[in-house]
Amino acid sequence: MTEQQARKAGRKHVLMNAVIISEGGSHQARIADLSSTGVRISSNNPPLANRDVIFKRGSVFAAARVAWADQTSAGLEFYTEVDAEALTALRAIDPIPGVG
């Protein structure tokens, strides 16, 4: 299994809200894919690539590096792997109204 296949295997497709805190302020985002090592978000104002950000959902905060970004989305790589208990907590917090 390649490294990319291994990363995809651990991802869960979700649709939840989050806040991304960057040097430009805080921005609302929607989580598309979530794993213990990172998250793919969509946003009207995604952070720039190769920048440090804070990912926040509920009471969970995670420092991350923006691995890639385009005009409407970004991939965040967590600096420290999020443990299984925190991932469960992230998924249990209110989903986007009307979804799921």
N, C-alpha and C. Protein backbone atom coordinates (compact mmCIF):
# COMPACT_ATOMS: atom_id res chain seq x y z
N MET A 1 0.85 -1.17 0.00
CA MET A 1 0.00 0.00 0.00
C MET A 1 0.90 1.24 0.00
N THR A 2 0.62 2.18 -0.89
CA THR A 2 1.41 3.40 -0.96
C THR A 2 1.06 4.32 0.21
N GLU A 3 1.89 5.33 0.44
CA GLU A 3 1.63 6.29 1.52
C GLU A 3 0.30 7.01 1.29
N GLN A 4 0.01 7.39 0.04
CA GLN A 4 -1.24 8.08 -0.26
C GLN A 4 -2.45 7.16 -0.01
N GLN A 5 -2.36 5.89 -0.37
CA GLN A 5 -3.44 4.94 -0.13
C GLN A 5 -3.66 4.76 1.38
N ALA A 6 -2.58 4.70 2.14
CA ALA A 6 -2.69 4.54 3.59
C ALA A 6 -3.38 5.75 4.21
N ARG A 7 -3.04 6.97 3.74
CA ARG A 7 -3.69 8.17 4.26
C ARG A 7 -5.18 8.15 3.96
N LYS A 8 -5.55 7.79 2.74
CA LYS A 8 -6.97 7.77 2.35
C LYS A 8 -7.74 6.72 3.13
N ALA A 9 -7.11 5.61 3.48
CA ALA A 9 -7.79 4.54 4.19
C ALA A 9 -8.24 4.99 5.57
N GLY A 10 -7.51 5.90 6.21
CA GLY A 10 -7.85 6.35 7.55
C GLY A 10 -8.82 7.52 7.59
N ARG A 11 -9.19 8.06 6.44
CA ARG A 11 -10.08 9.22 6.39
C ARG A 11 -11.53 8.81 6.46
N LYS A 12 -12.30 9.66 7.10
CA LYS A 12 -13.75 9.48 7.16
C LYS A 12 -14.39 10.69 6.51
N HIS A 13 -15.31 10.46 5.57
CA HIS A 13 -16.02 11.55 4.92
C HIS A 13 -17.08 12.04 5.89
N VAL A 14 -17.05 13.33 6.17
CA VAL A 14 -17.98 13.94 7.10
C VAL A 14 -18.45 15.27 6.53
N LEU A 15 -19.43 15.86 7.17
CA LEU A 15 -19.88 17.20 6.81
C LEU A 15 -20.21 17.92 8.11
N MET A 16 -19.23 18.66 8.63
CA MET A 16 -19.36 19.33 9.92
C MET A 16 -18.73 20.71 9.85
N ASN A 17 -19.12 21.58 10.76
CA ASN A 17 -18.54 22.92 10.85
C ASN A 17 -17.29 22.91 11.71
N ALA A 18 -16.41 23.87 11.44
CA ALA A 18 -15.20 24.07 12.24
C ALA A 18 -14.80 25.53 12.10
N VAL A 19 -13.84 25.93 12.91
CA VAL A 19 -13.26 27.26 12.81
C VAL A 19 -11.77 27.08 12.56
N ILE A 20 -11.25 27.86 11.62
CA ILE A 20 -9.82 27.86 11.34
C ILE A 20 -9.28 29.22 11.78
N ILE A 21 -8.29 29.19 12.65
CA ILE A 21 -7.70 30.43 13.17
C ILE A 21 -6.32 30.57 12.53
N SER A 22 -6.13 31.70 11.84
CA SER A 22 -4.86 31.94 11.16
C SER A 22 -4.40 33.36 11.46
N GLU A 23 -3.29 33.73 10.89
CA GLU A 23 -2.78 35.08 11.10
C GLU A 23 -3.76 36.14 10.59
N GLY A 24 -4.65 35.75 9.69
CA GLY A 24 -5.64 36.67 9.14
C GLY A 24 -6.93 36.72 9.94
N GLY A 25 -7.02 35.99 11.03
CA GLY A 25 -8.21 35.96 11.86
C GLY A 25 -8.83 34.58 11.89
N SER A 26 -10.09 34.51 12.32
CA SER A 26 -10.77 33.21 12.37
C SER A 26 -11.82 33.15 11.28
N HIS A 27 -11.98 31.97 10.70
CA HIS A 27 -12.87 31.77 9.57
C HIS A 27 -13.67 30.50 9.75
N GLN A 28 -14.93 30.54 9.38
CA GLN A 28 -15.78 29.35 9.39
C GLN A 28 -15.35 28.43 8.24
N ALA A 29 -15.42 27.14 8.47
CA ALA A 29 -15.09 26.16 7.45
C ALA A 29 -15.98 24.95 7.61
N ARG A 30 -16.09 24.19 6.57
CA ARG A 30 -16.79 22.90 6.62
C ARG A 30 -15.76 21.80 6.43
N ILE A 31 -15.87 20.80 7.27
CA ILE A 31 -14.96 19.66 7.20
C ILE A 31 -15.51 18.68 6.18
N ALA A 32 -14.68 18.27 5.24
CA ALA A 32 -15.09 17.29 4.24
C ALA A 32 -14.54 15.90 4.57
N ASP A 33 -13.27 15.82 4.91
CA ASP A 33 -12.62 14.56 5.29
C ASP A 33 -11.86 14.80 6.58
N LEU A 34 -11.91 13.83 7.47
CA LEU A 34 -11.26 13.95 8.76
C LEU A 34 -10.53 12.67 9.10
N SER A 35 -9.28 12.80 9.54
CA SER A 35 -8.53 11.65 10.01
C SER A 35 -7.73 12.08 11.23
N SER A 36 -7.01 11.16 11.81
CA SER A 36 -6.21 11.48 12.99
C SER A 36 -5.01 12.36 12.65
N THR A 37 -4.65 12.44 11.38
CA THR A 37 -3.47 13.22 10.98
C THR A 37 -3.80 14.50 10.23
N GLY A 38 -5.07 14.71 9.88
CA GLY A 38 -5.40 15.93 9.17
C GLY A 38 -6.85 16.02 8.77
N VAL A 39 -7.16 17.09 8.04
CA VAL A 39 -8.53 17.37 7.67
C VAL A 39 -8.54 18.13 6.33
N ARG A 40 -9.56 17.86 5.53
CA ARG A 40 -9.78 18.65 4.31
C ARG A 40 -10.98 19.53 4.60
N ILE A 41 -10.82 20.83 4.35
CA ILE A 41 -11.89 21.78 4.62
C ILE A 41 -12.30 22.50 3.35
N SER A 42 -13.52 23.04 3.37
CA SER A 42 -13.94 23.98 2.35
C SER A 42 -14.32 25.27 3.07
N SER A 43 -14.05 26.40 2.42
CA SER A 43 -14.27 27.69 3.05
C SER A 43 -14.32 28.77 1.99
N ASN A 44 -15.04 29.84 2.29
CA ASN A 44 -15.04 31.00 1.39
C ASN A 44 -13.71 31.73 1.45
N ASN A 45 -12.95 31.49 2.51
CA ASN A 45 -11.68 32.16 2.72
C ASN A 45 -10.67 31.17 3.30
N PRO A 46 -10.24 30.18 2.50
CA PRO A 46 -9.32 29.17 3.05
C PRO A 46 -7.95 29.78 3.36
N PRO A 47 -7.24 29.21 4.32
CA PRO A 47 -5.90 29.71 4.64
C PRO A 47 -4.93 29.42 3.49
N LEU A 48 -3.85 30.17 3.46
CA LEU A 48 -2.84 29.99 2.42
C LEU A 48 -1.97 28.77 2.70
N ALA A 49 -1.47 28.15 1.64
CA ALA A 49 -0.59 26.98 1.77
C ALA A 49 0.68 27.34 2.53
N ASN A 50 1.21 26.35 3.21
CA ASN A 50 2.47 26.44 3.97
C ASN A 50 2.41 27.44 5.12
N ARG A 51 1.22 27.63 5.67
CA ARG A 51 1.05 28.50 6.84
C ARG A 51 0.62 27.64 8.03
N ASP A 52 0.86 28.15 9.22
CA ASP A 52 0.40 27.50 10.43
C ASP A 52 -0.97 28.02 10.81
N VAL A 53 -1.85 27.13 11.25
CA VAL A 53 -3.20 27.50 11.66
C VAL A 53 -3.58 26.69 12.89
N ILE A 54 -4.68 27.10 13.49
CA ILE A 54 -5.29 26.32 14.57
C ILE A 54 -6.65 25.86 14.05
N PHE A 55 -6.89 24.56 14.14
CA PHE A 55 -8.17 23.97 13.77
C PHE A 55 -8.97 23.84 15.06
N LYS A 56 -10.23 24.32 15.06
CA LYS A 56 -11.06 24.25 16.26
C LYS A 56 -12.42 23.68 15.90
N ARG A 57 -12.82 22.69 16.66
CA ARG A 57 -14.17 22.14 16.56
C ARG A 57 -14.59 21.78 17.97
N GLY A 58 -15.64 22.43 18.47
CA GLY A 58 -16.05 22.21 19.85
C GLY A 58 -14.93 22.62 20.78
N SER A 59 -14.58 21.75 21.71
CA SER A 59 -13.50 22.05 22.66
C SER A 59 -12.16 21.51 22.18
N VAL A 60 -12.10 20.96 20.97
CA VAL A 60 -10.86 20.39 20.44
C VAL A 60 -10.13 21.43 19.60
N PHE A 61 -8.88 21.67 19.95
CA PHE A 61 -8.00 22.55 19.20
C PHE A 61 -6.82 21.71 18.69
N ALA A 62 -6.39 21.94 17.45
CA ALA A 62 -5.23 21.22 16.93
C ALA A 62 -4.40 22.17 16.07
N ALA A 63 -3.11 22.25 16.36
CA ALA A 63 -2.20 23.04 15.54
C ALA A 63 -1.95 22.26 14.24
N ALA A 64 -1.94 22.99 13.13
CA ALA A 64 -1.79 22.33 11.84
C ALA A 64 -1.00 23.19 10.87
N ARG A 65 -0.49 22.54 9.85
CA ARG A 65 0.17 23.20 8.72
C ARG A 65 -0.74 23.04 7.52
N VAL A 66 -0.91 24.10 6.75
CA VAL A 66 -1.72 24.02 5.54
C VAL A 66 -0.86 23.36 4.47
N ALA A 67 -1.16 22.10 4.17
CA ALA A 67 -0.38 21.32 3.21
C ALA A 67 -0.62 21.79 1.77
N TRP A 68 -1.86 22.17 1.48
CA TRP A 68 -2.22 22.68 0.16
C TRP A 68 -3.47 23.53 0.29
N ALA A 69 -3.68 24.40 -0.67
CA ALA A 69 -4.88 25.23 -0.66
C ALA A 69 -5.21 25.67 -2.09
N ASP A 70 -6.51 25.84 -2.34
CA ASP A 70 -6.95 26.44 -3.59
C ASP A 70 -7.97 27.52 -3.23
N GLN A 71 -8.78 27.95 -4.16
CA GLN A 71 -9.68 29.08 -3.90
C GLN A 71 -10.81 28.77 -2.94
N THR A 72 -11.17 27.49 -2.80
CA THR A 72 -12.32 27.15 -1.95
C THR A 72 -12.05 26.07 -0.91
N SER A 73 -10.86 25.52 -0.88
CA SER A 73 -10.59 24.43 0.06
C SER A 73 -9.12 24.38 0.44
N ALA A 74 -8.84 23.56 1.45
CA ALA A 74 -7.46 23.40 1.91
C ALA A 74 -7.32 22.07 2.62
N GLY A 75 -6.11 21.56 2.63
CA GLY A 75 -5.77 20.36 3.38
C GLY A 75 -4.87 20.73 4.54
N LEU A 76 -5.30 20.40 5.75
CA LEU A 76 -4.53 20.71 6.94
C LEU A 76 -3.89 19.44 7.49
N GLU A 77 -2.63 19.53 7.79
CA GLU A 77 -1.89 18.40 8.39
C GLU A 77 -1.61 18.74 9.84
N PHE A 78 -2.19 17.95 10.76
CA PHE A 78 -2.00 18.21 12.18
C PHE A 78 -0.54 17.97 12.57
N TYR A 79 0.00 18.81 13.44
CA TYR A 79 1.36 18.62 13.93
C TYR A 79 1.46 17.44 14.87
N THR A 80 0.40 17.19 15.62
CA THR A 80 0.34 16.05 16.52
C THR A 80 -0.90 15.24 16.19
N GLU A 81 -0.76 13.95 16.05
CA GLU A 81 -1.89 13.09 15.70
C GLU A 81 -2.99 13.21 16.75
N VAL A 82 -4.22 13.33 16.28
CA VAL A 82 -5.38 13.42 17.16
C VAL A 82 -5.74 12.00 17.58
N ASP A 83 -5.86 11.77 18.89
CA ASP A 83 -6.13 10.41 19.37
C ASP A 83 -7.58 10.01 19.09
N ALA A 84 -7.85 8.72 19.20
CA ALA A 84 -9.17 8.16 18.87
C ALA A 84 -10.28 8.79 19.70
N GLU A 85 -10.02 9.06 20.97
CA GLU A 85 -11.04 9.65 21.84
C GLU A 85 -11.42 11.05 21.35
N ALA A 86 -10.43 11.85 20.96
CA ALA A 86 -10.72 13.20 20.46
C ALA A 86 -11.44 13.14 19.12
N LEU A 87 -11.08 12.19 18.25
CA LEU A 87 -11.79 12.03 16.97
C LEU A 87 -13.25 11.69 17.20
N THR A 88 -13.51 10.81 18.15
CA THR A 88 -14.90 10.45 18.48
C THR A 88 -15.64 11.68 18.97
N ALA A 89 -15.00 12.48 19.81
CA ALA A 89 -15.62 13.71 20.32
C ALA A 89 -15.89 14.69 19.18
N LEU A 90 -14.96 14.81 18.25
CA LEU A 90 -15.15 15.70 17.10
C LEU A 90 -16.38 15.32 16.29
N ARG A 91 -16.55 14.04 16.08
CA ARG A 91 -17.68 13.55 15.26
C ARG A 91 -19.00 13.65 16.01
N ALA A 92 -18.96 13.66 17.34
CA ALA A 92 -20.20 13.66 18.13
C ALA A 92 -20.80 15.05 18.28
N ILE A 93 -20.00 16.09 18.05
CA ILE A 93 -20.49 17.46 18.18
C ILE A 93 -21.47 17.73 17.05
N ASP A 94 -22.44 18.57 17.33
CA ASP A 94 -23.50 18.91 16.39
C ASP A 94 -23.08 18.95 14.92
N PRO A 95 -23.70 18.11 14.08
CA PRO A 95 -23.44 18.19 12.66
C PRO A 95 -24.09 19.44 12.09
N ILE A 96 -23.83 19.73 10.84
CA ILE A 96 -24.45 20.87 10.17
C ILE A 96 -25.96 20.64 10.16
N PRO A 97 -26.74 21.63 10.57
CA PRO A 97 -28.21 21.45 10.59
C PRO A 97 -28.75 20.98 9.25
N GLY A 98 -29.63 20.00 9.33
CA GLY A 98 -30.25 19.48 8.11
C GLY A 98 -29.45 18.43 7.38
N VAL A 99 -28.24 18.12 7.89
CA VAL A 99 -27.39 17.10 7.26
C VAL A 99 -27.20 15.97 8.24
N GLY A 100 -27.46 14.76 7.80
CA GLY A 100 -27.22 13.57 8.62
C GLY A 100 -28.07 13.52 9.78
